Amino acid sequence: MNYNQNQKIAQITSETLIIGVDIAKFKHVARAQDFRGMEFGAPLSFENTKYGFDSFIDWIGQISRKQGMAKVIVGMEPTGHYWLNLAHFLREQGIKFVVVNPMHVKKSKELDDNSPTKNDVKDARVIAQLVKDGRYAEPNIPQGVYAELRVARKIRDLLSVDLQAVQGQIHNWLDRYFPEFLTVFKDWEGKAALQLLKLNQLPNELVKLSDEEYSL
């Protein structure tokens, strides 16, 4: 859903446990706090696996019970595709999750220690603070056929980029080594043009071939 910042802040109450997660390829780091910014417990490092996710849920449960928190919200950076496994897992568990803008994380790092350096534990804290301040978005992760359509579209876009790169390379080679080619053939992708290109011969080599060799 689309909320303005005030509405987002209003969702964070005294009974809300805020979790900031710094996403990585193999291991994530989580930190917990309340709506005032008071931190609970030690940071948790957990693997990007089912076992790691289970330990993360247990950690959240322990802190929630100890602090008397009725609600949980998990914030994370949408880093590449590494955050999706955790997002799907949290959805299955019925735990609210949100994402924060990586640029906001980068700009907010200096508030705690005057240093913009990268640190997983520090980033998790910054993410939790951004969630507390309502600087987050609720991602729309398609499911079922809609998820498949999104993946198919992404693959199509990647293939289109690859195709354009290959076409550019072929035009480059033709311009360098066979500039006359497109004056003879209208399109290098035509059957006759491709047959000639498959010979892998330069112009000075083609003139030496017999008719039989052209048809091979």
Foldseek 3Di string as FASTA:
>chain_A
DDDPLVVLLVVADQLEKFKFWEFDQFKIKIWIDHLVLHTDDDIDIFTLDPVRLVVVVVVVVVRCVVSVHDAYEYEYAPDPPRCVSSVVVCVVVVHHYWYAYPVQLQVQLCVPPNDSDDDRNSSSSSRSVCSSSSRTGRDDQDDDPVNVVVVVVVVVVVVVVVVVVVVVVVVVCCVVFPVCLCVVPVDCPDPLNVLQVVLVDTPVRVVPDDPVSSVD
